[in-house]
N, C-alpha and C. Protein backbone atom coordinates (compact mmCIF):
# COMPACT_ATOMS: atom_id res chain seq x y z
N MET A 1 44.75 2.76 9.20
CA MET A 1 44.02 3.42 8.12
C MET A 1 42.94 2.52 7.58
N ILE A 2 43.28 1.22 7.30
CA ILE A 2 42.36 0.29 6.75
C ILE A 2 41.24 0.15 7.63
N ARG A 3 41.53 -0.05 8.91
CA ARG A 3 40.45 -0.35 9.93
C ARG A 3 39.51 0.77 9.97
N GLU A 4 39.91 2.09 9.95
CA GLU A 4 39.00 3.17 9.93
C GLU A 4 38.11 3.19 8.72
N LEU A 5 38.70 2.93 7.55
CA LEU A 5 37.91 2.88 6.33
C LEU A 5 36.94 1.75 6.31
N THR A 6 37.27 0.60 6.94
CA THR A 6 36.37 -0.50 7.02
C THR A 6 35.18 -0.18 7.96
N ILE A 7 35.39 0.50 9.01
CA ILE A 7 34.40 0.93 9.94
C ILE A 7 33.41 1.99 9.25
N ILE A 8 34.05 2.95 8.59
CA ILE A 8 33.27 4.01 7.88
C ILE A 8 32.39 3.37 6.78
N GLY A 9 32.99 2.36 6.10
CA GLY A 9 32.28 1.59 5.02
C GLY A 9 31.13 0.82 5.65
N ALA A 10 31.29 0.16 6.77
CA ALA A 10 30.35 -0.57 7.38
C ALA A 10 29.15 0.32 7.86
N ILE A 11 29.48 1.41 8.44
CA ILE A 11 28.43 2.39 8.88
C ILE A 11 27.71 2.95 7.64
N GLY A 12 28.38 3.22 6.58
CA GLY A 12 27.72 3.73 5.40
C GLY A 12 26.79 2.74 4.81
N LEU A 13 27.25 1.51 4.79
CA LEU A 13 26.38 0.37 4.30
C LEU A 13 25.17 0.11 5.29
N ALA A 14 25.33 0.27 6.50
CA ALA A 14 24.23 0.06 7.41
C ALA A 14 23.18 1.24 7.24
N VAL A 15 23.77 2.43 7.10
CA VAL A 15 22.76 3.64 6.83
C VAL A 15 22.00 3.48 5.47
N THR A 16 22.70 3.07 4.41
CA THR A 16 22.05 2.88 3.22
C THR A 16 21.05 1.74 3.26
N ALA A 17 21.43 0.65 3.87
CA ALA A 17 20.43 -0.49 4.03
C ALA A 17 19.23 0.00 4.83
N SER A 18 19.44 0.72 5.86
CA SER A 18 18.29 1.08 6.70
C SER A 18 17.35 2.09 5.96
N ASN A 19 17.91 2.89 5.14
CA ASN A 19 17.07 3.77 4.17
C ASN A 19 16.30 2.95 3.26
N TYR A 20 16.91 1.93 2.65
CA TYR A 20 16.14 1.12 1.64
C TYR A 20 15.03 0.35 2.34
N MET A 21 15.34 -0.17 3.55
CA MET A 21 14.36 -0.88 4.38
C MET A 21 13.12 0.01 4.71
N ALA A 22 13.44 1.39 5.06
CA ALA A 22 12.34 2.32 5.34
C ALA A 22 11.56 2.46 4.05
N TYR A 23 12.11 2.57 2.87
CA TYR A 23 11.46 2.74 1.70
C TYR A 23 10.53 1.47 1.40
N ALA A 24 11.15 0.42 1.57
CA ALA A 24 10.41 -0.88 1.39
C ALA A 24 9.18 -1.00 2.26
N GLY A 25 9.45 -0.59 3.55
CA GLY A 25 8.33 -0.64 4.53
C GLY A 25 7.20 0.21 4.11
N SER A 26 7.63 1.49 3.69
CA SER A 26 6.55 2.52 3.24
C SER A 26 5.79 1.98 2.06
N ALA A 27 6.53 1.45 1.05
CA ALA A 27 5.78 0.92 -0.12
C ALA A 27 4.89 -0.27 0.22
N GLY A 28 5.36 -1.16 1.11
CA GLY A 28 4.49 -2.28 1.59
C GLY A 28 3.29 -1.77 2.26
N ALA A 29 3.49 -0.81 3.16
CA ALA A 29 2.23 -0.28 3.93
C ALA A 29 1.28 0.40 2.86
N GLY A 30 1.83 1.22 1.98
CA GLY A 30 1.05 1.85 0.98
C GLY A 30 0.23 0.86 0.09
N TYR A 31 0.86 -0.28 -0.28
CA TYR A 31 0.30 -1.26 -1.06
C TYR A 31 -0.87 -1.96 -0.28
N LYS A 32 -0.55 -2.23 1.06
CA LYS A 32 -1.65 -2.86 1.88
C LYS A 32 -2.78 -2.00 2.04
N PHE A 33 -2.59 -0.72 2.39
CA PHE A 33 -3.79 0.21 2.56
C PHE A 33 -4.44 0.50 1.23
N GLY A 34 -3.72 0.54 0.17
CA GLY A 34 -4.27 0.68 -1.13
C GLY A 34 -5.33 -0.48 -1.46
N ARG A 35 -4.86 -1.70 -1.29
CA ARG A 35 -5.68 -2.83 -1.45
C ARG A 35 -6.92 -2.84 -0.56
N GLU A 36 -6.65 -2.48 0.67
CA GLU A 36 -7.74 -2.55 1.66
C GLU A 36 -8.89 -1.59 1.31
N TRP A 37 -8.43 -0.30 1.03
CA TRP A 37 -9.48 0.74 0.70
C TRP A 37 -10.04 0.53 -0.70
N GLY A 38 -9.30 0.01 -1.58
CA GLY A 38 -9.78 -0.41 -2.99
C GLY A 38 -10.94 -1.43 -2.86
N THR A 39 -10.63 -2.35 -1.98
CA THR A 39 -11.74 -3.52 -1.81
C THR A 39 -12.94 -2.79 -1.12
N LYS A 40 -12.83 -1.96 -0.15
CA LYS A 40 -13.96 -1.35 0.49
C LYS A 40 -14.76 -0.60 -0.53
N ILE A 41 -14.07 0.28 -1.37
CA ILE A 41 -14.74 1.07 -2.40
C ILE A 41 -15.43 0.19 -3.38
N CYS A 42 -14.77 -0.81 -3.80
CA CYS A 42 -15.37 -1.74 -4.80
C CYS A 42 -16.65 -2.39 -4.25
N ASN A 43 -16.57 -2.87 -3.05
CA ASN A 43 -17.70 -3.49 -2.48
C ASN A 43 -18.92 -2.57 -2.23
N PHE A 44 -18.50 -1.28 -1.79
CA PHE A 44 -19.58 -0.14 -1.74
C PHE A 44 -20.22 0.02 -3.03
N ASN A 45 -19.34 0.15 -4.14
CA ASN A 45 -19.93 0.51 -5.47
C ASN A 45 -20.78 -0.68 -5.91
N ASP A 46 -20.45 -1.94 -5.67
CA ASP A 46 -21.32 -3.03 -6.02
C ASP A 46 -22.63 -3.04 -5.31
N GLY A 47 -22.58 -2.66 -4.01
CA GLY A 47 -23.76 -2.66 -3.26
C GLY A 47 -24.64 -1.50 -3.77
N PHE A 48 -24.12 -0.35 -4.12
CA PHE A 48 -24.85 0.75 -4.65
C PHE A 48 -25.51 0.42 -6.03
N LEU A 49 -24.68 -0.28 -6.86
CA LEU A 49 -25.24 -0.61 -8.18
C LEU A 49 -26.36 -1.52 -8.08
N ASP A 50 -26.28 -2.60 -7.08
CA ASP A 50 -27.39 -3.52 -6.88
C ASP A 50 -28.61 -2.77 -6.53
N THR A 51 -28.50 -1.87 -5.55
CA THR A 51 -29.65 -1.03 -5.12
C THR A 51 -30.23 -0.37 -6.15
N VAL A 52 -29.42 0.28 -7.14
CA VAL A 52 -29.99 1.03 -8.17
C VAL A 52 -30.77 0.21 -9.15
N TYR A 53 -30.12 -0.94 -9.46
CA TYR A 53 -30.76 -1.86 -10.37
C TYR A 53 -32.10 -2.41 -9.82
N THR A 54 -32.06 -2.67 -8.54
CA THR A 54 -33.31 -3.11 -7.88
C THR A 54 -34.43 -2.13 -8.02
N LYS A 55 -34.06 -0.84 -7.77
CA LYS A 55 -34.99 0.20 -7.79
C LYS A 55 -35.54 0.33 -9.22
N LEU A 56 -34.72 0.29 -10.23
CA LEU A 56 -35.10 0.46 -11.55
C LEU A 56 -36.06 -0.65 -11.94
N LYS A 57 -35.80 -1.84 -11.58
CA LYS A 57 -36.59 -2.96 -11.83
C LYS A 57 -37.93 -2.87 -11.22
N GLN A 58 -38.02 -2.32 -10.03
CA GLN A 58 -39.28 -2.08 -9.36
C GLN A 58 -40.10 -1.10 -9.99
N THR A 59 -39.51 -0.05 -10.59
CA THR A 59 -40.28 0.99 -11.22
C THR A 59 -40.77 0.56 -12.65
N GLU A 60 -40.08 -0.44 -13.24
CA GLU A 60 -40.43 -0.96 -14.52
C GLU A 60 -41.76 -1.86 -14.40
N ASN A 61 -41.88 -2.55 -13.27
CA ASN A 61 -42.86 -3.49 -13.01
C ASN A 61 -44.11 -2.76 -12.54
């Protein structure tokens, strides 16, 4: 009886651990892609603002 409970407990622990690892992997991937796309959007926005400021300065002169 103890052996069967130990095996069931070990399987339950393995299933729970694999679920948490899947959650952690998903969170890590989401963080990575969020940083990547956030950087791209920020760089695009900086370039766009530089272009707008340059055009405004040209029209003032």
